[in-house]
C-alpha atoms as a PDB file:
ATOM      1  CA  MET A   1       0.000   0.000   0.000  1.00  0.00           C
ATOM      2  CA  ALA A   2       1.368   3.274  -0.977  1.00  0.00           C
ATOM      3  CA  ARG A   3       2.064   6.088   1.561  1.00  0.00           C
ATOM      4  CA  THR A   4       0.495   9.624   1.326  1.00  0.00           C
ATOM      5  CA  PRO A   5       3.106  12.427   1.495  1.00  0.00           C
ATOM      6  CA  LEU A   6       2.886  14.680   4.601  1.00  0.00           C
ATOM      7  CA  LYS A   7       2.223  18.426   3.867  1.00  0.00           C
ATOM      8  CA  LEU A   8       3.989  20.822   6.197  1.00  0.00           C
ATOM      9  CA  PRO A   9       2.950  24.540   6.646  1.00  0.00           C
ATOM     10  CA  ASN A  10       4.851  27.104   4.517  1.00  0.00           C
ATOM     11  CA  LYS A  11       6.780  28.629   7.451  1.00  0.00           C
ATOM     12  CA  PRO A  12      10.412  29.661   7.648  1.00  0.00           C
ATOM     13  CA  ILE A  13      12.533  27.409   9.684  1.00  0.00           C
ATOM     14  CA  ALA A  14      13.841  29.068  12.845  1.00  0.00           C
ATOM     15  CA  GLU A  15      17.534  29.614  13.093  1.00  0.00           C
ATOM     16  CA  SER A  16      19.670  27.811  15.530  1.00  0.00           C
ATOM     17  CA  THR A  17      19.658  28.766  19.213  1.00  0.00           C
ATOM     18  CA  GLY A  18      22.910  30.757  18.848  1.00  0.00           C
ATOM     19  CA  ARG A  19      21.483  32.970  16.066  1.00  0.00           C
ATOM     20  CA  LYS A  20      18.358  33.597  18.017  1.00  0.00           C
ATOM     21  CA  GLU A  21      20.248  34.783  21.104  1.00  0.00           C
ATOM     22  CA  LEU A  22      22.395  37.190  19.025  1.00  0.00           C
ATOM     23  CA  THR A  23      19.339  38.707  17.512  1.00  0.00           C
ATOM     24  CA  THR A  24      17.815  39.295  20.888  1.00  0.00           C
ATOM     25  CA  ARG A  25      20.952  41.032  22.212  1.00  0.00           C
ATOM     26  CA  ALA A  26      21.109  43.199  19.136  1.00  0.00           C
ATOM     27  CA  ARG A  27      17.607  44.283  19.682  1.00  0.00           C
ATOM     28  CA  LEU A  28      18.317  45.151  23.280  1.00  0.00           C
ATOM     29  CA  ALA A  29      21.407  47.111  22.252  1.00  0.00           C
ATOM     30  CA  GLN A  30      19.429  49.104  19.728  1.00  0.00           C
ATOM     31  CA  LYS A  31      16.858  49.962  22.347  1.00  0.00           C
ATOM     32  CA  ASP A  32      19.605  51.240  24.624  1.00  0.00           C
ATOM     33  CA  LYS A  33      21.046  53.415  21.842  1.00  0.00           C
ATOM     34  CA  ARG A  34      17.669  54.879  21.126  1.00  0.00           C
ATOM     35  CA  ARG A  35      17.208  55.774  24.746  1.00  0.00           C
ATOM     36  CA  ALA A  36      20.616  57.485  25.008  1.00  0.00           C
ATOM     37  CA  ALA A  37      20.305  59.484  21.734  1.00  0.00           C
ATOM     38  CA  PRO A  38      18.620  63.027  21.880  1.00  0.00           C
ATOM     39  CA  PRO A  39      15.200  63.253  20.437  1.00  0.00           C
ATOM     40  CA  ALA A  40      15.160  64.259  16.824  1.00  0.00           C
ATOM     41  CA  ALA A  41      13.826  67.713  15.962  1.00  0.00           C
ATOM     42  CA  PRO A  42      10.429  67.707  14.397  1.00  0.00           C
ATOM     43  CA  VAL A  43      10.422  68.306  10.733  1.00  0.00           C
ATOM     44  CA  ALA A  44       8.623  71.481   9.775  1.00  0.00           C
ATOM     45  CA  ALA A  45       5.847  71.167   7.344  1.00  0.00           C
ATOM     46  CA  PRO A  46       6.663  72.653   3.974  1.00  0.00           C
ATOM     47  CA  VAL A  47       5.331  76.261   3.460  1.00  0.00           C
ATOM     48  CA  THR A  48       3.529  76.948   0.261  1.00  0.00           C
ATOM     49  CA  VAL A  49       4.123  80.485  -1.135  1.00  0.00           C
ATOM     50  CA  PRO A  50       1.339  81.633  -3.406  1.00  0.00           C
ATOM     51  CA  ALA A  51       2.440  82.582  -6.836  1.00  0.00           C
ATOM     52  CA  PRO A  52       2.110  86.276  -7.798  1.00  0.00           C
ATOM     53  CA  PRO A  53      -0.989  87.089  -9.809  1.00  0.00           C
ATOM     54  CA  ALA A  54      -0.545  87.188 -13.471  1.00  0.00           C
ATOM     55  CA  PRO A  55      -0.416  90.713 -14.886  1.00  0.00           C
ATOM     56  CA  SER A  56      -3.748  91.922 -16.225  1.00  0.00           C
ATOM     57  CA  LYS A  57      -3.948  92.583 -19.875  1.00  0.00           C
ATOM     58  CA  ARG A  58      -6.370  95.604 -19.282  1.00  0.00           C
ATOM     59  CA  ARG A  59      -4.834  99.125 -19.403  1.00  0.00           C
ATOM     60  CA  ALA A  60      -4.742 100.796 -15.950  1.00  0.00           C
ATOM     61  CA  ARG A  61      -6.627 104.123 -15.619  1.00  0.00           C
ATOM     62  CA  PRO A  62      -4.622 107.138 -14.474  1.00  0.00           C
ATOM     63  CA  THR A  63      -5.229 107.886 -10.812  1.00  0.00           C
ATOM     64  CA  GLU A  64      -7.363 110.974 -10.186  1.00  0.00           C
ATOM     65  CA  PRO A  65      -6.539 113.381  -7.345  1.00  0.00           C
ATOM     66  CA  ALA A  66      -8.762 113.060  -4.346  1.00  0.00           C
ATOM     67  CA  ARG A  67     -11.671 115.455  -4.531  1.00  0.00           C
ATOM     68  CA  LYS A  68     -11.904 118.050  -1.793  1.00  0.00           C
ATOM     69  CA  TYR A  69     -15.362 118.796  -0.530  1.00  0.00           C
ATOM     70  CA  PRO A  70     -16.074 121.881   1.624  1.00  0.00           C
ATOM     71  CA  LYS A  71     -16.561 121.144   5.274  1.00  0.00           C
ATOM     72  CA  VAL A  72     -20.129 121.598   6.290  1.00  0.00           C
ATOM     73  CA  ALA A  73     -20.616 123.013   9.761  1.00  0.00           C
ATOM     74  CA  PRO A  74     -23.024 121.098  11.935  1.00  0.00           C
ATOM     75  CA  PRO A  75     -26.440 122.724  12.101  1.00  0.00           C
ATOM     76  CA  ARG A  76     -26.798 125.185  14.966  1.00  0.00           C
ATOM     77  CA  ALA A  77     -29.631 125.266  17.323  1.00  0.00           C
ATOM     78  CA  SER A  78     -32.326 127.558  16.044  1.00  0.00           C
ATOM     79  CA  THR A  79     -32.414 130.934  17.821  1.00  0.00           C
ATOM     80  CA  PRO A  80     -35.313 133.367  17.781  1.00  0.00           C
ATOM     81  CA  PRO A  81     -34.786 136.348  15.427  1.00  0.00           C
ATOM     82  CA  ARG A  82     -33.502 139.526  17.047  1.00  0.00           C
ATOM     83  CA  ALA A  83     -35.886 142.344  17.500  1.00  0.00           C
ATOM     84  CA  THR A  84     -34.834 145.315  15.384  1.00  0.00           C
ATOM     85  CA  ALA A  85     -35.867 148.874  16.053  1.00  0.00           C
ATOM     86  CA  PRO A  86     -38.219 150.294  13.447  1.00  0.00           C
ATOM     87  CA  THR A  87     -36.363 152.460  10.968  1.00  0.00           C
ATOM     88  CA  GLN A  88     -37.346 156.094  10.888  1.00  0.00           C
ATOM     89  CA  PRO A  89     -38.548 157.285   7.505  1.00  0.00           C
ATOM     90  CA  ALA A  90     -36.245 159.766   5.827  1.00  0.00           C
ATOM     91  CA  PRO A  91     -37.532 163.361   5.879  1.00  0.00           C
ATOM     92  CA  PRO A  92     -39.182 164.328   2.629  1.00  0.00           C
ATOM     93  CA  ARG A  93     -37.087 166.324   0.241  1.00  0.00           C
ATOM     94  CA  SER A  94     -38.005 169.861  -0.572  1.00  0.00           C
ATOM     95  CA  PRO A  95     -40.028 170.196  -3.724  1.00  0.00           C
ATOM     96  CA  ALA A  96     -38.538 171.952  -6.702  1.00  0.00           C
ATOM     97  CA  HIS A  97     -39.153 175.702  -6.690  1.00  0.00           C
ATOM     98  CA  GLU A  98     -39.549 177.728  -9.802  1.00  0.00           C
ATOM     99  CA  ASN A  99     -37.293 180.503  -8.496  1.00  0.00           C
ATOM    100  CA  PRO A 100     -34.033 179.190  -6.936  1.00  0.00           C
ATOM    101  CA  GLU A 101     -33.086 182.753  -5.959  1.00  0.00           C
ATOM    102  CA  ASP A 102     -35.789 182.899  -3.294  1.00  0.00           C
ATOM    103  CA  PRO A 103     -34.625 182.294   0.315  1.00  0.00           C
ATOM    104  CA  ARG A 104     -35.362 179.091   2.174  1.00  0.00           C
ATOM    105  CA  LEU A 105     -38.206 179.228   4.649  1.00  0.00           C
ATOM    106  CA  SER A 106     -35.980 178.869   7.734  1.00  0.00           C
ATOM    107  CA  LYS A 107     -33.726 181.711   6.586  1.00  0.00           C
ATOM    108  CA  ARG A 108     -36.706 183.943   5.840  1.00  0.00           C
ATOM    109  CA  MET A 109     -38.120 183.292   9.323  1.00  0.00           C
ATOM    110  CA  SER A 110     -34.767 184.245  10.835  1.00  0.00           C
ATOM    111  CA  GLU A 111     -34.642 187.425   8.753  1.00  0.00           C
ATOM    112  CA  LEU A 112     -38.098 188.375  10.029  1.00  0.00           C
ATOM    113  CA  GLY A 113     -36.902 187.890  13.630  1.00  0.00           C
ATOM    114  CA  LEU A 114     -39.374 185.099  14.360  1.00  0.00           C
ATOM    115  CA  CYS A 115     -36.690 182.687  15.567  1.00  0.00           C
ATOM    116  CA  SER A 116     -33.249 181.330  14.750  1.00  0.00           C
ATOM    117  CA  ARG A 117     -32.738 179.111  11.710  1.00  0.00           C
ATOM    118  CA  ARG A 118     -32.227 176.088  13.964  1.00  0.00           C
ATOM    119  CA  GLU A 119     -35.509 176.781  15.745  1.00  0.00           C
ATOM    120  CA  ALA A 120     -37.215 177.355  12.409  1.00  0.00           C
ATOM    121  CA  ASP A 121     -36.177 173.879  11.217  1.00  0.00           C
ATOM    122  CA  GLU A 122     -37.609 172.361  14.405  1.00  0.00           C
ATOM    123  CA  TRP A 123     -40.882 174.266  14.052  1.00  0.00           C
ATOM    124  CA  ILE A 124     -41.216 173.281  10.396  1.00  0.00           C
ATOM    125  CA  GLU A 125     -40.716 169.585  11.203  1.00  0.00           C
ATOM    126  CA  ASN A 126     -43.344 169.863  13.965  1.00  0.00           C
ATOM    127  CA  GLY A 127     -45.883 171.357  11.523  1.00  0.00           C
ATOM    128  CA  TRP A 128     -46.050 174.681  13.354  1.00  0.00           C
ATOM    129  CA  VAL A 129     -45.452 176.899  10.291  1.00  0.00           C
ATOM    130  CA  LYS A 130     -47.902 177.989   7.596  1.00  0.00           C
ATOM    131  CA  VAL A 131     -46.999 179.712   4.345  1.00  0.00           C
ATOM    132  CA  ASP A 132     -49.872 181.511   2.638  1.00  0.00           C
ATOM    133  CA  GLY A 133     -52.323 179.520   4.747  1.00  0.00           C
ATOM    134  CA  LYS A 134     -50.822 176.057   4.057  1.00  0.00           C
ATOM    135  CA  VAL A 135     -48.851 173.987   6.557  1.00  0.00           C
ATOM    136  CA  VAL A 136     -45.247 173.373   5.459  1.00  0.00           C
ATOM    137  CA  ASN A 137     -43.432 170.486   7.178  1.00  0.00           C
ATOM    138  CA  THR A 138     -40.671 169.915   4.614  1.00  0.00           C
ATOM    139  CA  LEU A 139     -37.199 171.296   5.237  1.00  0.00           C
ATOM    140  CA  GLY A 140     -35.487 173.339   2.542  1.00  0.00           C
ATOM    141  CA  VAL A 141     -38.602 174.809   0.923  1.00  0.00           C
ATOM    142  CA  ARG A 142     -37.977 178.155  -0.784  1.00  0.00           C
ATOM    143  CA  VAL A 143     -40.505 180.934  -0.410  1.00  0.00           C
ATOM    144  CA  PRO A 144     -40.822 184.321  -2.074  1.00  0.00           C
ATOM    145  CA  ALA A 145     -40.143 187.407   0.026  1.00  0.00           C
ATOM    146  CA  THR A 146     -43.821 188.337  -0.277  1.00  0.00           C
ATOM    147  CA  ALA A 147     -45.049 185.060   1.281  1.00  0.00           C
ATOM    148  CA  ARG A 148     -47.245 185.343   4.382  1.00  0.00           C
ATOM    149  CA  ILE A 149     -45.707 183.268   7.202  1.00  0.00           C
ATOM    150  CA  GLU A 150     -47.725 182.248  10.267  1.00  0.00           C
ATOM    151  CA  VAL A 151     -46.495 180.458  13.380  1.00  0.00           C
ATOM    152  CA  ASP A 152     -48.663 178.198  15.535  1.00  0.00           C
ATOM    153  CA  GLN A 153     -49.217 179.109  19.191  1.00  0.00           C
ATOM    154  CA  ALA A 154     -47.439 175.878  20.196  1.00  0.00           C
ATOM    155  CA  ALA A 155     -44.207 177.373  18.868  1.00  0.00           C
ATOM    156  CA  SER A 156     -44.771 180.536  20.888  1.00  0.00           C
ATOM    157  CA  ARG A 157     -45.342 178.496  24.054  1.00  0.00           C
ATOM    158  CA  HIS A 158     -42.203 176.488  23.346  1.00  0.00           C
ATOM    159  CA  GLN A 159     -40.262 179.712  22.886  1.00  0.00           C
ATOM    160  CA  SER A 160     -41.574 181.218  26.118  1.00  0.00           C
ATOM    161  CA  GLU A 161     -40.264 178.212  28.074  1.00  0.00           C
ATOM    162  CA  GLN A 162     -36.701 178.799  26.883  1.00  0.00           C
ATOM    163  CA  VAL A 163     -34.286 180.418  29.316  1.00  0.00           C
ATOM    164  CA  THR A 164     -31.324 182.785  29.174  1.00  0.00           C
ATOM    165  CA  ILE A 165     -28.625 182.629  31.837  1.00  0.00           C
ATOM    166  CA  LEU A 166     -26.034 185.244  32.855  1.00  0.00           C
ATOM    167  CA  LEU A 167     -22.700 183.998  34.213  1.00  0.00           C
ATOM    168  CA  ASN A 168     -19.765 185.886  35.716  1.00  0.00           C
ATOM    169  CA  LYS A 169     -16.972 183.854  34.095  1.00  0.00           C
ATOM    170  CA  PRO A 170     -13.727 183.455  36.052  1.00  0.00           C
ATOM    171  CA  VAL A 171     -10.286 183.518  34.450  1.00  0.00           C
ATOM    172  CA  GLY A 172      -9.157 180.067  33.250  1.00  0.00           C
ATOM    173  CA  TYR A 173     -12.420 178.925  31.631  1.00  0.00           C
ATOM    174  CA  VAL A 174     -13.136 178.984  27.890  1.00  0.00           C
ATOM    175  CA  SER A 175     -16.411 180.198  26.433  1.00  0.00           C
ATOM    176  CA  GLY A 176     -17.208 177.299  24.128  1.00  0.00           C
ATOM    177  CA  GLN A 177     -15.804 173.801  23.666  1.00  0.00           C
ATOM    178  CA  PRO A 178     -12.969 172.490  25.903  1.00  0.00           C
ATOM    179  CA  GLU A 179      -9.505 173.265  24.567  1.00  0.00           C
ATOM    180  CA  ASP A 180      -5.936 172.715  25.772  1.00  0.00           C
ATOM    181  CA  GLY A 181      -7.172 171.031  28.947  1.00  0.00           C
ATOM    182  CA  HIS A 182      -9.354 173.991  29.989  1.00  0.00           C
ATOM    183  CA  GLN A 183     -13.000 173.451  30.919  1.00  0.00           C
ATOM    184  CA  PRO A 184     -15.880 175.308  29.281  1.00  0.00           C
ATOM    185  CA  ALA A 185     -17.583 177.932  31.410  1.00  0.00           C
ATOM    186  CA  MET A 186     -20.888 176.069  31.082  1.00  0.00           C
ATOM    187  CA  VAL A 187     -19.745 173.492  33.671  1.00  0.00           C
ATOM    188  CA  LEU A 188     -20.323 176.218  36.286  1.00  0.00           C
ATOM    189  CA  ILE A 189     -24.049 176.344  35.529  1.00  0.00           C
ATOM    190  CA  LYS A 190     -25.383 174.023  38.214  1.00  0.00           C
ATOM    191  CA  PRO A 191     -27.787 174.511  41.119  1.00  0.00           C
ATOM    192  CA  GLU A 192     -25.127 175.031  43.785  1.00  0.00           C
ATOM    193  CA  ASN A 193     -23.575 177.930  41.794  1.00  0.00           C
ATOM    194  CA  ARG A 194     -26.816 179.875  41.373  1.00  0.00           C
ATOM    195  CA  TRP A 195     -26.616 183.336  42.928  1.00  0.00           C
ATOM    196  CA  ALA A 196     -28.480 183.358  46.228  1.00  0.00           C
ATOM    197  CA  GLU A 197     -29.880 186.846  45.438  1.00  0.00           C
ATOM    198  CA  ASP A 198     -31.201 185.932  41.992  1.00  0.00           C
ATOM    199  CA  PRO A 199     -34.477 187.893  41.694  1.00  0.00           C
ATOM    200  CA  SER A 200     -35.941 185.529  39.066  1.00  0.00           C
ATOM    201  CA  PRO A 201     -38.681 183.158  40.304  1.00  0.00           C
ATOM    202  CA  THR A 202     -37.688 180.539  37.672  1.00  0.00           C
ATOM    203  CA  LYS A 203     -37.015 177.145  39.225  1.00  0.00           C
ATOM    204  CA  PHE A 204     -33.950 175.329  37.900  1.00  0.00           C
ATOM    205  CA  VAL A 205     -34.549 172.078  36.018  1.00  0.00           C
ATOM    206  CA  HIS A 206     -32.000 170.045  34.071  1.00  0.00           C
ATOM    207  CA  GLY A 207     -33.981 170.684  30.888  1.00  0.00           C
ATOM    208  CA  HIS A 208     -32.653 174.263  31.007  1.00  0.00           C
ATOM    209  CA  LEU A 209     -29.221 172.919  30.065  1.00  0.00           C
ATOM    210  CA  ARG A 210     -30.510 171.242  26.909  1.00  0.00           C
ATOM    211  CA  GLY A 211     -29.571 173.321  23.873  1.00  0.00           C
ATOM    212  CA  LEU A 212     -27.974 176.004  26.036  1.00  0.00           C
ATOM    213  CA  ALA A 213     -25.181 177.750  24.116  1.00  0.00           C
ATOM    214  CA  PRO A 214     -22.940 180.812  24.635  1.00  0.00           C
ATOM    215  CA  ALA A 215     -24.036 183.928  22.789  1.00  0.00           C
ATOM    216  CA  GLY A 216     -20.628 185.505  22.372  1.00  0.00           C
ATOM    217  CA  ARG A 217     -17.046 184.786  23.356  1.00  0.00           C
ATOM    218  CA  LEU A 218     -14.848 185.833  26.246  1.00  0.00           C
ATOM    219  CA  ASP A 219     -11.251 184.602  26.071  1.00  0.00           C
ATOM    220  CA  ILE A 220      -9.650 182.436  28.721  1.00  0.00           C
ATOM    221  CA  ASP A 221      -7.674 185.316  30.287  1.00  0.00           C
ATOM    222  CA  SER A 222     -10.763 187.524  30.654  1.00  0.00           C
ATOM    223  CA  THR A 223     -13.570 187.615  33.182  1.00  0.00           C
ATOM    224  CA  GLY A 224     -17.042 189.100  33.442  1.00  0.00           C
ATOM    225  CA  LEU A 225     -20.464 188.753  31.863  1.00  0.00           C
ATOM    226  CA  ILE A 226     -21.142 185.945  29.409  1.00  0.00           C
ATOM    227  CA  VAL A 227     -24.609 185.043  28.150  1.00  0.00           C
ATOM    228  CA  PHE A 228     -25.941 181.500  27.625  1.00  0.00           C
ATOM    229  CA  THR A 229     -29.308 181.047  25.950  1.00  0.00           C
ATOM    230  CA  GLN A 230     -31.732 178.487  24.507  1.00  0.00           C
ATOM    231  CA  ASP A 231     -33.519 181.207  22.546  1.00  0.00           C
ATOM    232  CA  GLY A 232     -32.281 181.642  19.000  1.00  0.00           C
ATOM    233  CA  ARG A 233     -33.674 185.172  18.840  1.00  0.00           C
ATOM    234  CA  VAL A 234     -31.483 186.241  21.749  1.00  0.00           C
ATOM    235  CA  ALA A 235     -28.404 184.660  20.168  1.00  0.00           C
ATOM    236  CA  LYS A 236     -29.056 186.337  16.809  1.00  0.00           C
ATOM    237  CA  HIS A 237     -29.636 189.693  18.531  1.00  0.00           C
ATOM    238  CA  LEU A 238     -26.315 189.475  20.392  1.00  0.00           C
ATOM    239  CA  ILE A 239     -23.950 187.893  17.872  1.00  0.00           C
ATOM    240  CA  GLY A 240     -25.698 188.055  14.503  1.00  0.00           C
ATOM    241  CA  SER A 241     -23.816 189.580  11.582  1.00  0.00           C
ATOM    242  CA  ASP A 242     -26.020 192.684  11.790  1.00  0.00           C
ATOM    243  CA  SER A 243     -25.938 192.951  15.601  1.00  0.00           C
ATOM    244  CA  GLU A 244     -25.602 196.476  16.999  1.00  0.00           C
ATOM    245  CA  VAL A 245     -25.645 195.541  20.690  1.00  0.00           C
ATOM    246  CA  GLU A 246     -23.041 197.536  22.610  1.00  0.00           C
ATOM    247  CA  LYS A 247     -20.756 195.696  25.026  1.00  0.00           C
ATOM    248  CA  GLU A 248     -18.773 197.469  27.728  1.00  0.00           C
ATOM    249  CA  TYR A 249     -15.396 196.445  29.179  1.00  0.00           C
ATOM    250  CA  LEU A 250     -13.009 197.612  31.888  1.00  0.00           C
ATOM    251  CA  VAL A 251      -9.417 197.094  30.727  1.00  0.00           C
ATOM    252  CA  ARG A 252      -6.354 197.376  32.970  1.00  0.00           C
ATOM    253  CA  VAL A 253      -3.280 198.411  30.966  1.00  0.00           C
ATOM    254  CA  GLN A 254       0.418 199.140  31.333  1.00  0.00           C
ATOM    255  CA  GLY A 255       2.319 201.651  29.226  1.00  0.00           C
ATOM    256  CA  THR A 256       1.928 205.208  28.028  1.00  0.00           C
ATOM    257  CA  LEU A 257      -1.070 206.223  25.939  1.00  0.00           C
ATOM    258  CA  THR A 258      -0.767 209.463  23.965  1.00  0.00           C
ATOM    259  CA  GLU A 259      -3.663 211.560  22.734  1.00  0.00           C
ATOM    260  CA  GLU A 260      -2.930 210.347  19.215  1.00  0.00           C
ATOM    261  CA  GLY A 261      -3.046 206.731  20.436  1.00  0.00           C
ATOM    262  CA  LEU A 262      -6.381 207.366  22.174  1.00  0.00           C
ATOM    263  CA  LYS A 263      -7.825 208.748  18.927  1.00  0.00           C
ATOM    264  CA  LYS A 264      -6.707 205.622  17.069  1.00  0.00           C
ATOM    265  CA  LEU A 265      -8.379 203.399  19.646  1.00  0.00           C
ATOM    266  CA  ARG A 266     -11.625 205.269  19.095  1.00  0.00           C
ATOM    267  CA  HIS A 267     -11.425 205.059  15.313  1.00  0.00           C
ATOM    268  CA  GLY A 268      -8.808 204.395  12.696  1.00  0.00           C
ATOM    269  CA  LEU A 269      -7.440 200.907  13.428  1.00  0.00           C
ATOM    270  CA  GLU A 270      -7.920 197.799  11.361  1.00  0.00           C
ATOM    271  CA  LEU A 271      -7.509 194.087  12.079  1.00  0.00           C
ATOM    272  CA  ASP A 272      -6.710 191.476   9.432  1.00  0.00           C
ATOM    273  CA  GLY A 273      -7.142 194.079   6.719  1.00  0.00           C
ATOM    274  CA  VAL A 274     -10.645 195.108   7.876  1.00  0.00           C
ATOM    275  CA  LYS A 275     -11.344 198.534   9.389  1.00  0.00           C
ATOM    276  CA  LEU A 276     -12.904 198.443  12.844  1.00  0.00           C
ATOM    277  CA  LYS A 277     -16.162 200.169  13.709  1.00  0.00           C
ATOM    278  CA  PRO A 278     -15.939 203.324  15.819  1.00  0.00           C
ATOM    279  CA  ALA A 279     -15.562 202.600  19.548  1.00  0.00           C
ATOM    280  CA  GLN A 280     -16.012 204.628  22.707  1.00  0.00           C
ATOM    281  CA  VAL A 281     -12.745 204.617  24.692  1.00  0.00           C
ATOM    282  CA  SER A 282     -12.025 206.698  27.797  1.00  0.00           C
ATOM    283  CA  TRP A 283     -10.060 206.556  31.032  1.00  0.00           C
ATOM    284  CA  ALA A 284     -11.963 204.957  33.912  1.00  0.00           C
ATOM    285  CA  ASN A 285      -9.111 205.624  36.385  1.00  0.00           C
ATOM    286  CA  GLU A 286      -5.343 206.034  36.226  1.00  0.00           C
ATOM    287  CA  ASP A 287      -4.675 202.449  35.072  1.00  0.00           C
ATOM    288  CA  GLN A 288      -7.998 201.364  33.532  1.00  0.00           C
ATOM    289  CA  LEU A 289      -9.623 202.149  30.211  1.00  0.00           C
ATOM    290  CA  ARG A 290     -13.330 201.816  29.480  1.00  0.00           C
ATOM    291  CA  PHE A 291     -14.194 200.333  26.069  1.00  0.00           C
ATOM    292  CA  ALA A 292     -17.683 200.251  24.516  1.00  0.00           C
ATOM    293  CA  LEU A 293     -17.787 198.212  21.267  1.00  0.00           C
ATOM    294  CA  ARG A 294     -20.485 197.200  18.813  1.00  0.00           C
ATOM    295  CA  GLU A 295     -18.498 194.322  17.344  1.00  0.00           C
ATOM    296  CA  GLY A 296     -16.574 191.393  18.741  1.00  0.00           C
ATOM    297  CA  ARG A 297     -13.491 190.279  16.808  1.00  0.00           C
ATOM    298  CA  LYS A 298     -11.207 187.632  18.310  1.00  0.00           C
ATOM    299  CA  ARG A 299      -9.078 189.220  21.075  1.00  0.00           C
ATOM    300  CA  GLN A 300     -10.025 192.573  19.597  1.00  0.00           C
ATOM    301  CA  ILE A 301      -9.311 194.828  22.599  1.00  0.00           C
ATOM    302  CA  ARG A 302      -5.941 193.209  23.377  1.00  0.00           C
ATOM    303  CA  ARG A 303      -4.802 193.580  19.768  1.00  0.00           C
ATOM    304  CA  MET A 304      -6.010 197.191  19.606  1.00  0.00           C
ATOM    305  CA  CYS A 305      -4.028 198.075  22.724  1.00  0.00           C
ATOM    306  CA  GLU A 306      -0.873 196.430  21.342  1.00  0.00           C
ATOM    307  CA  MET A 307      -1.114 198.647  18.258  1.00  0.00           C
ATOM    308  CA  VAL A 308      -0.808 201.802  20.401  1.00  0.00           C
ATOM    309  CA  GLY A 309       1.929 200.506  22.711  1.00  0.00           C
ATOM    310  CA  LEU A 310      -0.150 199.219  25.635  1.00  0.00           C
ATOM    311  CA  VAL A 311      -0.089 195.854  27.391  1.00  0.00           C
ATOM    312  CA  VAL A 312      -3.369 194.501  28.745  1.00  0.00           C
ATOM    313  CA  THR A 313      -3.038 192.980  32.232  1.00  0.00           C
ATOM    314  CA  GLY A 314      -6.736 192.491  32.971  1.00  0.00           C
ATOM    315  CA  LEU A 315     -10.049 192.572  31.075  1.00  0.00           C
ATOM    316  CA  LYS A 316     -13.606 192.401  32.411  1.00  0.00           C
ATOM    317  CA  ARG A 317     -16.929 192.630  30.556  1.00  0.00           C
ATOM    318  CA  VAL A 318     -19.389 194.610  32.668  1.00  0.00           C
ATOM    319  CA  ARG A 319     -22.386 195.068  30.331  1.00  0.00           C
ATOM    320  CA  SER A 320     -24.126 193.573  27.288  1.00  0.00           C
ATOM    321  CA  GLY A 321     -26.668 195.970  25.820  1.00  0.00           C
ATOM    322  CA  GLY A 322     -29.065 196.978  28.573  1.00  0.00           C
ATOM    323  CA  VAL A 323     -28.080 194.152  30.942  1.00  0.00           C
ATOM    324  CA  PRO A 324     -25.254 194.933  33.421  1.00  0.00           C
ATOM    325  CA  LEU A 325     -23.094 192.444  35.287  1.00  0.00           C
ATOM    326  CA  GLY A 326     -24.031 194.218  38.538  1.00  0.00           C
ATOM    327  CA  LYS A 327     -23.222 192.478  41.811  1.00  0.00           C
ATOM    328  CA  LEU A 328     -23.175 188.960  40.374  1.00  0.00           C
ATOM    329  CA  PRO A 329     -20.205 187.215  42.062  1.00  0.00           C
ATOM    330  CA  VAL A 330     -17.428 185.540  40.061  1.00  0.00           C
ATOM    331  CA  GLY A 331     -18.251 181.917  39.216  1.00  0.00           C
ATOM    332  CA  GLN A 332     -22.005 182.317  39.896  1.00  0.00           C
ATOM    333  CA  TRP A 333     -25.007 182.728  37.585  1.00  0.00           C
ATOM    334  CA  ARG A 334     -28.596 183.962  37.470  1.00  0.00           C
ATOM    335  CA  TYR A 335     -31.591 183.911  35.105  1.00  0.00           C
ATOM    336  CA  LEU A 336     -32.394 186.796  32.780  1.00  0.00           C
ATOM    337  CA  ARG A 337     -35.566 188.455  34.070  1.00  0.00           C
ATOM    338  CA  LYS A 338     -38.601 188.990  31.872  1.00  0.00           C
ATOM    339  CA  ASP A 339     -38.239 192.759  32.178  1.00  0.00           C
ATOM    340  CA  GLU A 340     -34.579 192.809  31.100  1.00  0.00           C
ATOM    341  CA  LYS A 341     -33.682 193.462  27.464  1.00  0.00           C
ATOM    342  CA  PHE A 342     -30.345 193.444  25.733  1.00  0.00           C
END
């Protein structure tokens, strides 16, 4: 009987015992080397750099400058509109007149002695003036010399309330506006400087200072009577171009005055190329002359005396027309009485 062959598994045959032991020692030695060696550094992952973009085939537009826009302020809180004063209408212009040679109404009223030109303008604006029966309230109107001019009673009452004040001006005060540090004489017109013996019953009110102006000049080195008034008629009467009011002065002089020099003082001198009106000049005492003039040029008496060899050391006005200075003390004032006339 035939025998069936024995099939063995396909497995490698193990090496001999000596080979097996060497392999085991080698493995142990490798483990020891791995323990003694430093750990290997980790390998960094590779970094991928993106490729640059391919250039565009389109043509680039030129860059435009940045536009500048105006800064807009933030809106403010609304405020109520301011209240404005109503505007005054402009005064009407004077109508055209067929004869430009005729005088203006205010000048004609002044020529007739009704009032001053300044007062006339005020009366016209207030509607207090009639020309040939018609009210005229426009400034600058021309009227013929034959026109009939009437003034309302309101203007007369207004005029009667105006005052005239007499002051005994001290040396060192000027007549009009302040100049060279010197005060005007008008600053002395106040209640405490009123003359205690003033015979006028008029009661002082501050309205009497409104529109008060000197009617004539008296230089800073002179003293005496000076007139202040609100009444344009009084001012025109005293200092108008056609005024004939006589003013009297006491003048203290130094020097020798001959008879010929005295005659020249009375008549024959001229100032600034203009002959002076005749004057009354006489001796008041051994060192004072008395002058009576009907005109008032600037520093007239002092310049007249210089022309005849005299030096003026003192000058005092003692009378204006029919109103004397009297006993009025220096630096004090009083009202012009109703019965007094220049």
